[in-house]
C-alpha atoms as a PDB file:
ATOM      1  CA  UNK A   1     -73.964  89.072 345.052  1.00  0.00           C
ATOM      2  CA  UNK A   2     -72.618  92.108 346.670  1.00  0.00           C
ATOM      3  CA  UNK A   3     -69.033  92.981 346.014  1.00  0.00           C
ATOM      4  CA  UNK A   4     -66.466  95.401 347.176  1.00  0.00           C
ATOM      5  CA  UNK A   5     -66.860  98.804 345.658  1.00  0.00           C
ATOM      6  CA  UNK A   6     -70.576  98.413 345.188  1.00  0.00           C
ATOM      7  CA  UNK A   7     -70.377  96.572 341.881  1.00  0.00           C
ATOM      8  CA  UNK A   8     -71.955  93.257 341.202  1.00  0.00           C
ATOM      9  CA  UNK A   9     -69.495  90.677 339.952  1.00  0.00           C
ATOM     10  CA  UNK A  10     -70.789  87.821 337.858  1.00  0.00           C
ATOM     11  CA  UNK A  11     -70.841  84.437 339.500  1.00  0.00           C
ATOM     12  CA  UNK A  12     -68.544  81.597 338.433  1.00  0.00           C
ATOM     13  CA  UNK A  13     -71.490  79.879 336.779  1.00  0.00           C
ATOM     14  CA  UNK A  14     -72.245  83.020 334.792  1.00  0.00           C
ATOM     15  CA  UNK A  15     -68.606  83.327 333.713  1.00  0.00           C
ATOM     16  CA  UNK A  16     -68.533  79.649 332.667  1.00  0.00           C
ATOM     17  CA  UNK A  17     -71.810  80.051 330.767  1.00  0.00           C
ATOM     18  CA  UNK A  18     -70.471  83.183 329.055  1.00  0.00           C
ATOM     19  CA  UNK A  19     -67.229  81.374 328.095  1.00  0.00           C
ATOM     20  CA  UNK A  20     -69.214  78.424 326.733  1.00  0.00           C
ATOM     21  CA  UNK A  21     -71.414  80.798 324.733  1.00  0.00           C
ATOM     22  CA  UNK A  22     -68.354  82.553 323.246  1.00  0.00           C
ATOM     23  CA  UNK A  23     -66.753  79.194 322.419  1.00  0.00           C
ATOM     24  CA  UNK A  24     -69.980  78.026 320.821  1.00  0.00           C
ATOM     25  CA  UNK A  25     -70.112  81.250 318.802  1.00  0.00           C
ATOM     26  CA  UNK A  26     -66.499  80.737 317.600  1.00  0.00           C
ATOM     27  CA  UNK A  27     -67.199  77.114 316.700  1.00  0.00           C
ATOM     28  CA  UNK A  28     -70.346  78.137 314.858  1.00  0.00           C
ATOM     29  CA  UNK A  29     -68.496  80.849 312.933  1.00  0.00           C
ATOM     30  CA  UNK A  30     -65.648  78.460 312.107  1.00  0.00           C
ATOM     31  CA  UNK A  31     -68.180  75.818 310.998  1.00  0.00           C
ATOM     32  CA  UNK A  32     -70.062  78.317 308.818  1.00  0.00           C
ATOM     33  CA  UNK A  33     -66.791  79.505 307.292  1.00  0.00           C
ATOM     34  CA  UNK A  34     -65.696  75.911 306.616  1.00  0.00           C
ATOM     35  CA  UNK A  35     -69.161  75.111 305.243  1.00  0.00           C
ATOM     36  CA  UNK A  36     -68.912  78.094 302.894  1.00  0.00           C
ATOM     37  CA  UNK A  37     -65.498  76.937 301.673  1.00  0.00           C
ATOM     38  CA  UNK A  38     -66.734  73.399 301.087  1.00  0.00           C
ATOM     39  CA  UNK A  39     -69.807  74.687 299.294  1.00  0.00           C
ATOM     40  CA  UNK A  40     -67.615  76.829 297.022  1.00  0.00           C
ATOM     41  CA  UNK A  41     -65.380  73.794 296.309  1.00  0.00           C
ATOM     42  CA  UNK A  42     -68.403  71.700 295.394  1.00  0.00           C
ATOM     43  CA  UNK A  43     -69.716  74.437 293.097  1.00  0.00           C
ATOM     44  CA  UNK A  44     -66.308  74.723 291.378  1.00  0.00           C
ATOM     45  CA  UNK A  45     -66.123  70.946 290.956  1.00  0.00           C
ATOM     46  CA  UNK A  46     -69.640  70.790 289.508  1.00  0.00           C
ATOM     47  CA  UNK A  47     -68.921  73.689 287.164  1.00  0.00           C
ATOM     48  CA  UNK A  48     -65.662  72.050 286.027  1.00  0.00           C
ATOM     49  CA  UNK A  49     -67.423  68.735 285.402  1.00  0.00           C
ATOM     50  CA  UNK A  50     -70.199  70.451 283.436  1.00  0.00           C
ATOM     51  CA  UNK A  51     -67.650  72.343 281.338  1.00  0.00           C
ATOM     52  CA  UNK A  52     -65.790  69.088 280.726  1.00  0.00           C
ATOM     53  CA  UNK A  53     -69.020  67.346 279.695  1.00  0.00           C
ATOM     54  CA  UNK A  54     -69.890  70.233 277.410  1.00  0.00           C
ATOM     55  CA  UNK A  55     -66.444  70.123 275.788  1.00  0.00           C
ATOM     56  CA  UNK A  56     -66.798  66.371 275.314  1.00  0.00           C
ATOM     57  CA  UNK A  57     -70.178  66.884 273.627  1.00  0.00           C
ATOM     58  CA  UNK A  58     -68.689  69.576 271.378  1.00  0.00           C
ATOM     59  CA  UNK A  59     -65.891  67.221 270.365  1.00  0.00           C
ATOM     60  CA  UNK A  60     -68.345  64.404 269.680  1.00  0.00           C
ATOM     61  CA  UNK A  61     -70.461  66.707 267.520  1.00  0.00           C
ATOM     62  CA  UNK A  62     -67.363  67.892 265.650  1.00  0.00           C
ATOM     63  CA  UNK A  63     -66.236  64.293 265.156  1.00  0.00           C
ATOM     64  CA  UNK A  64     -69.656  63.251 263.829  1.00  0.00           C
ATOM     65  CA  UNK A  65     -69.636  66.229 261.452  1.00  0.00           C
ATOM     66  CA  UNK A  66     -66.137  65.287 260.306  1.00  0.00           C
ATOM     67  CA  UNK A  67     -67.273  61.698 259.656  1.00  0.00           C
ATOM     68  CA  UNK A  68     -70.282  62.932 257.667  1.00  0.00           C
ATOM     69  CA  UNK A  69     -68.067  65.298 255.648  1.00  0.00           C
ATOM     70  CA  UNK A  70     -65.603  62.479 255.007  1.00  0.00           C
ATOM     71  CA  UNK A  71     -68.394  60.161 253.864  1.00  0.00           C
ATOM     72  CA  UNK A  72     -69.785  62.846 251.543  1.00  0.00           C
ATOM     73  CA  UNK A  73     -66.295  63.432 250.126  1.00  0.00           C
ATOM     74  CA  UNK A  74     -65.837  59.673 249.559  1.00  0.00           C
ATOM     75  CA  UNK A  75     -69.197  59.485 247.781  1.00  0.00           C
ATOM     76  CA  UNK A  76     -68.323  62.511 245.664  1.00  0.00           C
ATOM     77  CA  UNK A  77     -64.943  60.993 244.809  1.00  0.00           C
ATOM     78  CA  UNK A  78     -66.554  57.633 243.917  1.00  0.00           C
ATOM     79  CA  UNK A  79     -69.107  59.428 241.736  1.00  0.00           C
ATOM     80  CA  UNK A  80     -66.320  61.299 239.960  1.00  0.00           C
ATOM     81  CA  UNK A  81     -64.387  58.047 239.438  1.00  0.00           C
ATOM     82  CA  UNK A  82     -67.519  56.344 238.193  1.00  0.00           C
ATOM     83  CA  UNK A  83     -68.145  59.194 235.744  1.00  0.00           C
ATOM     84  CA  UNK A  84     -64.507  59.095 234.633  1.00  0.00           C
ATOM     85  CA  UNK A  85     -64.706  55.324 234.119  1.00  0.00           C
ATOM     86  CA  UNK A  86     -67.921  55.731 232.121  1.00  0.00           C
ATOM     87  CA  UNK A  87     -66.235  58.405 229.987  1.00  0.00           C
ATOM     88  CA  UNK A  88     -63.220  56.128 229.423  1.00  0.00           C
ATOM     89  CA  UNK A  89     -65.398  53.121 228.558  1.00  0.00           C
ATOM     90  CA  UNK A  90     -67.511  55.175 226.153  1.00  0.00           C
ATOM     91  CA  UNK A  91     -64.309  56.477 224.534  1.00  0.00           C
ATOM     92  CA  UNK A  92     -62.982  52.944 224.201  1.00  0.00           C
ATOM     93  CA  UNK A  93     -66.314  51.757 222.838  1.00  0.00           C
ATOM     94  CA  UNK A  94     -66.400  54.644 220.375  1.00  0.00           C
ATOM     95  CA  UNK A  95     -62.838  53.997 219.217  1.00  0.00           C
ATOM     96  CA  UNK A  96     -63.524  50.234 218.906  1.00  0.00           C
ATOM     97  CA  UNK A  97     -66.596  50.969 216.824  1.00  0.00           C
ATOM     98  CA  UNK A  98     -64.615  53.388 214.692  1.00  0.00           C
ATOM     99  CA  UNK A  99     -61.863  50.819 214.151  1.00  0.00           C
ATOM    100  CA  UNK A 100     -64.458  48.205 213.182  1.00  0.00           C
ATOM    101  CA  UNK A 101     -65.740  50.637 210.604  1.00  0.00           C
ATOM    102  CA  UNK A 102     -62.237  51.124 209.264  1.00  0.00           C
ATOM    103  CA  UNK A 103     -61.628  54.482 210.857  1.00  0.00           C
ATOM    104  CA  UNK A 104     -59.042  55.341 213.444  1.00  0.00           C
ATOM    105  CA  UNK A 105     -60.274  57.865 216.059  1.00  0.00           C
ATOM    106  CA  UNK A 106     -57.193  60.047 215.577  1.00  0.00           C
ATOM    107  CA  UNK A 107     -55.753  59.126 212.171  1.00  0.00           C
ATOM    108  CA  UNK A 108     -59.041  58.958 210.341  1.00  0.00           C
ATOM    109  CA  UNK A 109     -60.229  56.456 207.664  1.00  0.00           C
ATOM    110  CA  UNK A 110     -58.088  53.464 206.663  1.00  0.00           C
ATOM    111  CA  UNK A 111     -56.451  54.135 203.337  1.00  0.00           C
ATOM    112  CA  UNK A 112     -54.817  50.757 202.789  1.00  0.00           C
ATOM    113  CA  UNK A 113     -54.455  47.519 204.766  1.00  0.00           C
ATOM    114  CA  UNK A 114     -50.860  46.346 205.142  1.00  0.00           C
ATOM    115  CA  UNK A 115     -51.913  43.080 206.727  1.00  0.00           C
ATOM    116  CA  UNK A 116     -50.422  43.711 210.153  1.00  0.00           C
ATOM    117  CA  UNK A 117     -51.012  45.994 213.036  1.00  0.00           C
END
């Protein structure tokens, strides 16, 4: 269209189309920005969950190791008690045998029998 001053002015339809294009561009930019934020949130949430799962696995491994160590310590303690009991029973057996032979394990051979203990 011809205009005053020799310049062409855009038509109303062109202005409306240009406004719609700018609005669409703003909406698209806002959407992309929002999408980027949501994507970052999802990545943070996934990372946090993975770290939590990893920490849980570490704790489970540590707990299993602790249980194994505890079981080994119990077995070692039982073996020591068993050895101590065997030592005590062999000492008692040795002293009983010595008394039967008329010898006391600390005092030595019986010199005379007084008829009482």
